[in-house]
Amino acid sequence: MTKGEPHPLEILYAVIESRKEADPAESYTAKLFARGEAKIAQKLGEEAVETVIEAVSGSKDELTAESADLLYHLLVLWAARGVHPDEVWAKLAEREGVSGLIEKAARRPIGKKGKKS
């Protein structure tokens, strides 16, 4: 990837977005969208667990493959919820140069239902 080219995650996000109206019988991404945000989030969680398992006991290649699956499902969830990668990049940029401990302490606690209180 050279400077000025879109990031591979942004390219993948555009492909995912293009599948929103696709036939779920012909597109795995469209099938995920049809099943809804809760199912997408569940699948993301499954992929996160698989990634952790490979990080602990798998090979580098297996970790790489599971990481790709994890990122794909994260992007599907972003698309389902209307979050664009640029918004995430901007949030990361806001945190640049800030201690992770300080940034985390400044966040509002998350309540029992997953919403910030």
Protein backbone atom coordinates (compact mmCIF):
# COMPACT_ATOMS: atom_id res chain seq x y z
CA MET A 1 0.00 0.00 0.00
CA THR A 2 1.42 3.35 -1.00
CA LYS A 3 0.54 6.78 0.32
CA GLY A 4 -2.69 8.10 -1.18
CA GLU A 5 -4.15 4.66 -1.82
CA PRO A 6 -7.20 3.63 0.20
CA HIS A 7 -6.48 1.43 3.18
CA PRO A 8 -7.40 -2.25 2.65
CA LEU A 9 -9.96 -2.01 5.46
CA GLU A 10 -11.64 0.91 3.72
CA ILE A 11 -11.77 -1.10 0.48
CA LEU A 12 -13.29 -4.05 2.33
CA TYR A 13 -15.78 -1.73 4.04
CA ALA A 14 -16.93 -0.46 0.64
CA VAL A 15 -17.45 -4.03 -0.56
CA ILE A 16 -19.41 -4.82 2.61
CA GLU A 17 -21.57 -1.73 2.11
CA SER A 18 -22.29 -2.83 -1.46
CA ARG A 19 -23.67 -6.14 -0.16
CA LYS A 20 -26.42 -4.56 1.98
CA GLU A 21 -28.97 -5.00 -0.79
CA ALA A 22 -27.53 -8.22 -2.22
CA ASP A 23 -29.33 -11.55 -2.19
CA PRO A 24 -28.64 -13.38 1.10
CA ALA A 25 -28.69 -16.66 -0.85
CA GLU A 26 -25.72 -15.44 -2.90
CA SER A 27 -23.71 -13.36 -0.42
CA TYR A 28 -22.52 -14.28 3.07
CA THR A 29 -22.34 -10.58 3.93
CA ALA A 30 -25.92 -10.02 2.77
CA LYS A 31 -26.96 -13.04 4.84
CA LEU A 32 -25.38 -11.46 7.92
CA PHE A 33 -27.18 -8.17 7.27
CA ALA A 34 -30.48 -10.04 6.83
CA ARG A 35 -30.00 -11.79 10.17
CA GLY A 36 -29.60 -8.47 11.98
CA GLU A 37 -27.21 -6.63 14.24
CA ALA A 38 -27.51 -9.04 17.17
CA LYS A 39 -26.42 -11.98 15.00
CA ILE A 40 -23.58 -9.93 13.51
CA ALA A 41 -22.42 -9.00 17.01
CA GLN A 42 -22.64 -12.65 18.09
CA LYS A 43 -20.55 -13.70 15.11
CA LEU A 44 -18.01 -10.99 15.93
CA GLY A 45 -17.76 -12.36 19.46
CA GLU A 46 -17.20 -15.88 18.15
CA GLU A 47 -14.44 -14.64 15.88
CA ALA A 48 -12.85 -12.73 18.76
CA VAL A 49 -12.74 -15.90 20.85
CA GLU A 50 -11.24 -17.86 17.94
CA THR A 51 -8.61 -15.13 17.51
CA VAL A 52 -7.67 -15.30 21.18
CA ILE A 53 -7.41 -19.09 21.03
CA GLU A 54 -5.04 -18.87 18.06
CA ALA A 55 -3.03 -16.14 19.78
CA VAL A 56 -2.45 -18.42 22.74
CA SER A 57 -1.98 -21.80 21.11
CA GLY A 58 -2.02 -21.50 17.34
CA SER A 59 0.46 -20.72 14.65
CA LYS A 60 1.15 -17.28 13.24
CA ASP A 61 -0.73 -18.25 10.06
CA GLU A 62 -3.79 -19.34 12.05
CA LEU A 63 -3.70 -16.14 14.09
CA THR A 64 -3.44 -14.13 10.87
CA ALA A 65 -6.44 -15.93 9.34
CA GLU A 66 -8.58 -15.50 12.46
CA SER A 67 -7.55 -11.85 12.70
CA ALA A 68 -8.76 -11.31 9.13
CA ASP A 69 -12.09 -12.95 10.03
CA LEU A 70 -12.36 -10.77 13.13
CA LEU A 71 -11.71 -7.55 11.21
CA TYR A 72 -14.20 -8.53 8.50
CA HIS A 73 -16.97 -9.17 11.03
CA LEU A 74 -16.13 -5.94 12.87
CA LEU A 75 -16.52 -4.02 9.60
CA VAL A 76 -19.87 -5.74 8.94
CA LEU A 77 -21.05 -4.62 12.38
CA TRP A 78 -19.84 -1.08 11.71
CA ALA A 79 -21.73 -1.03 8.41
CA ALA A 80 -24.88 -2.39 10.04
CA ARG A 81 -24.72 0.34 12.69
CA GLY A 82 -23.74 3.13 10.30
CA VAL A 83 -20.21 3.57 11.64
CA HIS A 84 -17.73 4.54 8.92
CA PRO A 85 -14.04 3.64 9.28
CA ASP A 86 -13.15 7.35 9.11
CA GLU A 87 -15.07 7.87 12.35
CA VAL A 88 -13.00 5.19 14.06
CA TRP A 89 -9.75 6.57 12.62
CA ALA A 90 -10.73 10.03 13.93
CA LYS A 91 -11.40 8.60 17.40
CA LEU A 92 -8.00 6.93 17.36
CA ALA A 93 -6.37 10.17 16.23
CA GLU A 94 -8.00 12.01 19.17
CA ARG A 95 -6.32 9.54 21.51
CA GLU A 96 -2.88 9.82 19.91
CA GLY A 97 -0.30 10.91 22.44
CA VAL A 98 -2.65 10.33 25.37
CA SER A 99 -1.72 7.70 27.93
CA GLY A 100 -3.99 4.70 27.59
CA LEU A 101 -4.48 4.65 31.35
CA ILE A 102 -5.51 8.31 31.43
CA GLU A 103 -7.81 7.94 28.42
CA LYS A 104 -9.51 4.87 29.89
CA ALA A 105 -9.99 6.55 33.28
CA ALA A 106 -11.67 9.51 31.58
CA ARG A 107 -14.36 7.35 29.97
CA ARG A 108 -17.76 7.11 31.56
CA PRO A 109 -18.47 3.67 33.04
CA ILE A 110 -20.59 1.32 30.97
CA GLY A 111 -23.82 0.22 32.65
CA LYS A 112 -25.29 -3.27 32.84
CA LYS A 113 -27.08 -2.98 29.50
CA GLY A 114 -23.96 -1.92 27.61
CA LYS A 115 -24.86 1.75 27.56
CA LYS A 116 -22.73 4.46 29.03
CA SER A 117 -24.28 5.78 32.23
